[in-house]
Amino acid sequence: MAGLGDREFALGAYVATHDPIDGADAVVLGAASTAHPDPLVDARGDPDDLI
């Protein structure tokens, strides 16, 4: 009825029927954030390196 697929439904059922895992939210938030706002900062050189 909500237009969900099998995977989304299974995840929702799991979340609704299981207790939270201690520390899982910190791991997910840590993986989603980056140290730099630009994730490609290490892939690019400095223009001064060309001279």
PDB file of N, CA and C in Angstrom:
ATOM      1  N   MET A   1       0.808  -1.190   0.000  1.00  0.00           N
ATOM      2  CA  MET A   1       0.000   0.000   0.000  1.00  0.00           C
ATOM      3  C   MET A   1       0.861   1.268   0.000  1.00  0.00           C
ATOM      4  N   ALA A   2       2.024   1.198   0.599  1.00  0.00           N
ATOM      5  CA  ALA A   2       2.888   2.375   0.675  1.00  0.00           C
ATOM      6  C   ALA A   2       3.868   2.430  -0.483  1.00  0.00           C
ATOM      7  N   GLY A   3       3.827   1.452  -1.363  1.00  0.00           N
ATOM      8  CA  GLY A   3       4.729   1.436  -2.506  1.00  0.00           C
ATOM      9  C   GLY A   3       6.128   0.973  -2.150  1.00  0.00           C
ATOM     10  N   LEU A   4       6.273   0.207  -1.091  1.00  0.00           N
ATOM     11  CA  LEU A   4       7.584  -0.281  -0.672  1.00  0.00           C
ATOM     12  C   LEU A   4       7.879  -1.626  -1.317  1.00  0.00           C
ATOM     13  N   GLY A   5       9.163  -1.870  -1.520  1.00  0.00           N
ATOM     14  CA  GLY A   5       9.589  -3.165  -2.009  1.00  0.00           C
ATOM     15  C   GLY A   5       9.801  -4.129  -0.855  1.00  0.00           C
ATOM     16  N   ASP A   6      10.174  -5.344  -1.173  1.00  0.00           N
ATOM     17  CA  ASP A   6      10.398  -6.364  -0.149  1.00  0.00           C
ATOM     18  C   ASP A   6      11.500  -5.974   0.825  1.00  0.00           C
ATOM     19  N   ARG A   7      12.580  -5.380   0.321  1.00  0.00           N
ATOM     20  CA  ARG A   7      13.710  -5.012   1.182  1.00  0.00           C
ATOM     21  C   ARG A   7      13.318  -3.919   2.175  1.00  0.00           C
ATOM     22  N   GLU A   8      12.614  -2.901   1.701  1.00  0.00           N
ATOM     23  CA  GLU A   8      12.195  -1.819   2.574  1.00  0.00           C
ATOM     24  C   GLU A   8      11.232  -2.318   3.640  1.00  0.00           C
ATOM     25  N   PHE A   9      10.305  -3.195   3.232  1.00  0.00           N
ATOM     26  CA  PHE A   9       9.351  -3.757   4.175  1.00  0.00           C
ATOM     27  C   PHE A   9      10.057  -4.592   5.236  1.00  0.00           C
ATOM     28  N   ALA A  10      11.025  -5.398   4.809  1.00  0.00           N
ATOM     29  CA  ALA A  10      11.758  -6.239   5.757  1.00  0.00           C
ATOM     30  C   ALA A  10      12.557  -5.385   6.738  1.00  0.00           C
ATOM     31  N   LEU A  11      13.186  -4.322   6.257  1.00  0.00           N
ATOM     32  CA  LEU A  11      13.932  -3.437   7.151  1.00  0.00           C
ATOM     33  C   LEU A  11      12.997  -2.774   8.155  1.00  0.00           C
ATOM     34  N   GLY A  12      11.862  -2.284   7.696  1.00  0.00           N
ATOM     35  CA  GLY A  12      10.896  -1.663   8.595  1.00  0.00           C
ATOM     36  C   GLY A  12      10.379  -2.636   9.638  1.00  0.00           C
ATOM     37  N   ALA A  13      10.116  -3.880   9.233  1.00  0.00           N
ATOM     38  CA  ALA A  13       9.651  -4.902  10.172  1.00  0.00           C
ATOM     39  C   ALA A  13      10.736  -5.209  11.201  1.00  0.00           C
ATOM     40  N   TYR A  14      11.981  -5.276  10.772  1.00  0.00           N
ATOM     41  CA  TYR A  14      13.082  -5.539  11.699  1.00  0.00           C
ATOM     42  C   TYR A  14      13.212  -4.410  12.711  1.00  0.00           C
ATOM     43  N   VAL A  15      13.197  -3.174  12.235  1.00  0.00           N
ATOM     44  CA  VAL A  15      13.348  -2.017  13.122  1.00  0.00           C
ATOM     45  C   VAL A  15      12.199  -1.959  14.115  1.00  0.00           C
ATOM     46  N   ALA A  16      11.001  -2.281  13.662  1.00  0.00           N
ATOM     47  CA  ALA A  16       9.836  -2.207  14.534  1.00  0.00           C
ATOM     48  C   ALA A  16       9.807  -3.320  15.574  1.00  0.00           C
ATOM     49  N   THR A  17      10.478  -4.436  15.319  1.00  0.00           N
ATOM     50  CA  THR A  17      10.359  -5.587  16.219  1.00  0.00           C
ATOM     51  C   THR A  17      11.622  -5.901  17.011  1.00  0.00           C
ATOM     52  N   HIS A  18      12.698  -5.141  16.825  1.00  0.00           N
ATOM     53  CA  HIS A  18      13.941  -5.411  17.548  1.00  0.00           C
ATOM     54  C   HIS A  18      14.379  -4.195  18.350  1.00  0.00           C
ATOM     55  N   ASP A  19      15.107  -4.451  19.432  1.00  0.00           N
ATOM     56  CA  ASP A  19      15.657  -3.374  20.246  1.00  0.00           C
ATOM     57  C   ASP A  19      16.824  -2.719  19.516  1.00  0.00           C
ATOM     58  N   PRO A  20      17.052  -1.418  19.776  1.00  0.00           N
ATOM     59  CA  PRO A  20      18.183  -0.739  19.145  1.00  0.00           C
ATOM     60  C   PRO A  20      19.517  -1.366  19.579  1.00  0.00           C
ATOM     61  N   ILE A  21      20.491  -1.300  18.709  1.00  0.00           N
ATOM     62  CA  ILE A  21      21.830  -1.798  19.006  1.00  0.00           C
ATOM     63  C   ILE A  21      22.642  -0.636  19.573  1.00  0.00           C
ATOM     64  N   ASP A  22      23.195  -0.828  20.779  1.00  0.00           N
ATOM     65  CA  ASP A  22      23.975   0.232  21.412  1.00  0.00           C
ATOM     66  C   ASP A  22      25.150   0.638  20.538  1.00  0.00           C
ATOM     67  N   GLY A  23      25.291   1.919  20.302  1.00  0.00           N
ATOM     68  CA  GLY A  23      26.413   2.446  19.539  1.00  0.00           C
ATOM     69  C   GLY A  23      26.237   2.422  18.031  1.00  0.00           C
ATOM     70  N   ALA A  24      25.164   1.818  17.535  1.00  0.00           N
ATOM     71  CA  ALA A  24      24.986   1.730  16.084  1.00  0.00           C
ATOM     72  C   ALA A  24      24.757   3.101  15.466  1.00  0.00           C
ATOM     73  N   ASP A  25      24.044   3.964  16.173  1.00  0.00           N
ATOM     74  CA  ASP A  25      23.779   5.291  15.615  1.00  0.00           C
ATOM     75  C   ASP A  25      25.067   6.093  15.452  1.00  0.00           C
ATOM     76  N   ALA A  26      26.008   5.945  16.385  1.00  0.00           N
ATOM     77  CA  ALA A  26      27.286   6.652  16.288  1.00  0.00           C
ATOM     78  C   ALA A  26      28.099   6.150  15.095  1.00  0.00           C
ATOM     79  N   VAL A  27      28.051   4.856  14.838  1.00  0.00           N
ATOM     80  CA  VAL A  27      28.786   4.284  13.709  1.00  0.00           C
ATOM     81  C   VAL A  27      28.211   4.791  12.391  1.00  0.00           C
ATOM     82  N   VAL A  28      26.897   4.800  12.282  1.00  0.00           N
ATOM     83  CA  VAL A  28      26.259   5.252  11.050  1.00  0.00           C
ATOM     84  C   VAL A  28      26.525   6.734  10.825  1.00  0.00           C
ATOM     85  N   LEU A  29      26.387   7.538  11.867  1.00  0.00           N
ATOM     86  CA  LEU A  29      26.639   8.968  11.723  1.00  0.00           C
ATOM     87  C   LEU A  29      28.105   9.237  11.418  1.00  0.00           C
ATOM     88  N   GLY A  30      29.008   8.471  11.999  1.00  0.00           N
ATOM     89  CA  GLY A  30      30.432   8.639  11.720  1.00  0.00           C
ATOM     90  C   GLY A  30      30.792   8.265  10.297  1.00  0.00           C
ATOM     91  N   ALA A  31      30.150   7.250   9.765  1.00  0.00           N
ATOM     92  CA  ALA A  31      30.428   6.832   8.396  1.00  0.00           C
ATOM     93  C   ALA A  31      29.835   7.805   7.384  1.00  0.00           C
ATOM     94  N   ALA A  32      28.752   8.455   7.758  1.00  0.00           N
ATOM     95  CA  ALA A  32      28.095   9.374   6.837  1.00  0.00           C
ATOM     96  C   ALA A  32      28.771  10.736   6.779  1.00  0.00           C
ATOM     97  N   SER A  33      29.498  11.080   7.827  1.00  0.00           N
ATOM     98  CA  SER A  33      30.145  12.390   7.830  1.00  0.00           C
ATOM     99  C   SER A  33      31.571  12.263   7.320  1.00  0.00           C
ATOM    100  N   THR A  34      32.085  13.336   6.777  1.00  0.00           N
ATOM    101  CA  THR A  34      33.457  13.358   6.300  1.00  0.00           C
ATOM    102  C   THR A  34      34.227  14.422   7.055  1.00  0.00           C
ATOM    103  N   ALA A  35      35.517  14.274   7.118  1.00  0.00           N
ATOM    104  CA  ALA A  35      36.350  15.249   7.813  1.00  0.00           C
ATOM    105  C   ALA A  35      36.368  16.572   7.063  1.00  0.00           C
ATOM    106  N   HIS A  36      36.269  16.511   5.750  1.00  0.00           N
ATOM    107  CA  HIS A  36      36.271  17.704   4.916  1.00  0.00           C
ATOM    108  C   HIS A  36      34.924  17.823   4.220  1.00  0.00           C
ATOM    109  N   PRO A  37      34.458  19.046   4.010  1.00  0.00           N
ATOM    110  CA  PRO A  37      33.215  19.176   3.257  1.00  0.00           C
ATOM    111  C   PRO A  37      33.360  18.701   1.812  1.00  0.00           C
ATOM    112  N   ASP A  38      34.590  18.690   1.303  1.00  0.00           N
ATOM    113  CA  ASP A  38      34.853  18.231  -0.056  1.00  0.00           C
ATOM    114  C   ASP A  38      35.512  16.860   0.012  1.00  0.00           C
ATOM    115  N   PRO A  39      34.802  15.784  -0.325  1.00  0.00           N
ATOM    116  CA  PRO A  39      35.381  14.445  -0.190  1.00  0.00           C
ATOM    117  C   PRO A  39      36.542  14.174  -1.146  1.00  0.00           C
ATOM    118  N   LEU A  40      36.743  15.017  -2.163  1.00  0.00           N
ATOM    119  CA  LEU A  40      37.827  14.818  -3.121  1.00  0.00           C
ATOM    120  C   LEU A  40      39.038  15.693  -2.820  1.00  0.00           C
ATOM    121  N   VAL A  41      39.092  16.263  -1.635  1.00  0.00           N
ATOM    122  CA  VAL A  41      40.181  17.189  -1.316  1.00  0.00           C
ATOM    123  C   VAL A  41      41.549  16.502  -1.433  1.00  0.00           C
ATOM    124  N   ASP A  42      41.652  15.220  -1.116  1.00  0.00           N
ATOM    125  CA  ASP A  42      42.926  14.505  -1.206  1.00  0.00           C
ATOM    126  C   ASP A  42      43.271  14.108  -2.643  1.00  0.00           C
ATOM    127  N   ALA A  43      42.304  14.094  -3.523  1.00  0.00           N
ATOM    128  CA  ALA A  43      42.540  13.655  -4.895  1.00  0.00           C
ATOM    129  C   ALA A  43      43.088  14.774  -5.778  1.00  0.00           C
ATOM    130  N   ARG A  44      42.900  15.999  -5.355  1.00  0.00           N
ATOM    131  CA  ARG A  44      43.352  17.131  -6.158  1.00  0.00           C
ATOM    132  C   ARG A  44      44.611  17.718  -5.564  1.00  0.00           C
ATOM    133  N   GLY A  45      45.457  18.203  -6.431  1.00  0.00           N
ATOM    134  CA  GLY A  45      46.673  18.866  -5.985  1.00  0.00           C
ATOM    135  C   GLY A  45      46.435  20.352  -5.807  1.00  0.00           C
ATOM    136  N   ASP A  46      47.422  20.998  -5.251  1.00  0.00           N
ATOM    137  CA  ASP A  46      47.386  22.436  -5.055  1.00  0.00           C
ATOM    138  C   ASP A  46      47.910  23.099  -6.338  1.00  0.00           C
ATOM    139  N   PRO A  47      47.299  24.186  -6.800  1.00  0.00           N
ATOM    140  CA  PRO A  47      47.799  24.849  -8.012  1.00  0.00           C
ATOM    141  C   PRO A  47      49.267  25.263  -7.888  1.00  0.00           C
ATOM    142  N   ASP A  48      49.730  25.500  -6.696  1.00  0.00           N
ATOM    143  CA  ASP A  48      51.138  25.870  -6.507  1.00  0.00           C
ATOM    144  C   ASP A  48      52.076  24.711  -6.807  1.00  0.00           C
ATOM    145  N   ASP A  49      51.570  23.482  -6.805  1.00  0.00           N
ATOM    146  CA  ASP A  49      52.397  22.321  -7.123  1.00  0.00           C
ATOM    147  C   ASP A  49      52.800  22.279  -8.600  1.00  0.00           C
ATOM    148  N   LEU A  50      52.095  23.007  -9.438  1.00  0.00           N
ATOM    149  CA  LEU A  50      52.378  22.995 -10.874  1.00  0.00           C
ATOM    150  C   LEU A  50      53.558  23.871 -11.238  1.00  0.00           C
ATOM    151  N   ILE A  51      53.933  24.744 -10.362  1.00  0.00           N
ATOM    152  CA  ILE A  51      55.026  25.692 -10.658  1.00  0.00           C
ATOM    153  C   ILE A  51      56.335  25.178 -10.094  1.00  0.00           C
TER     154      ILE A  51
END
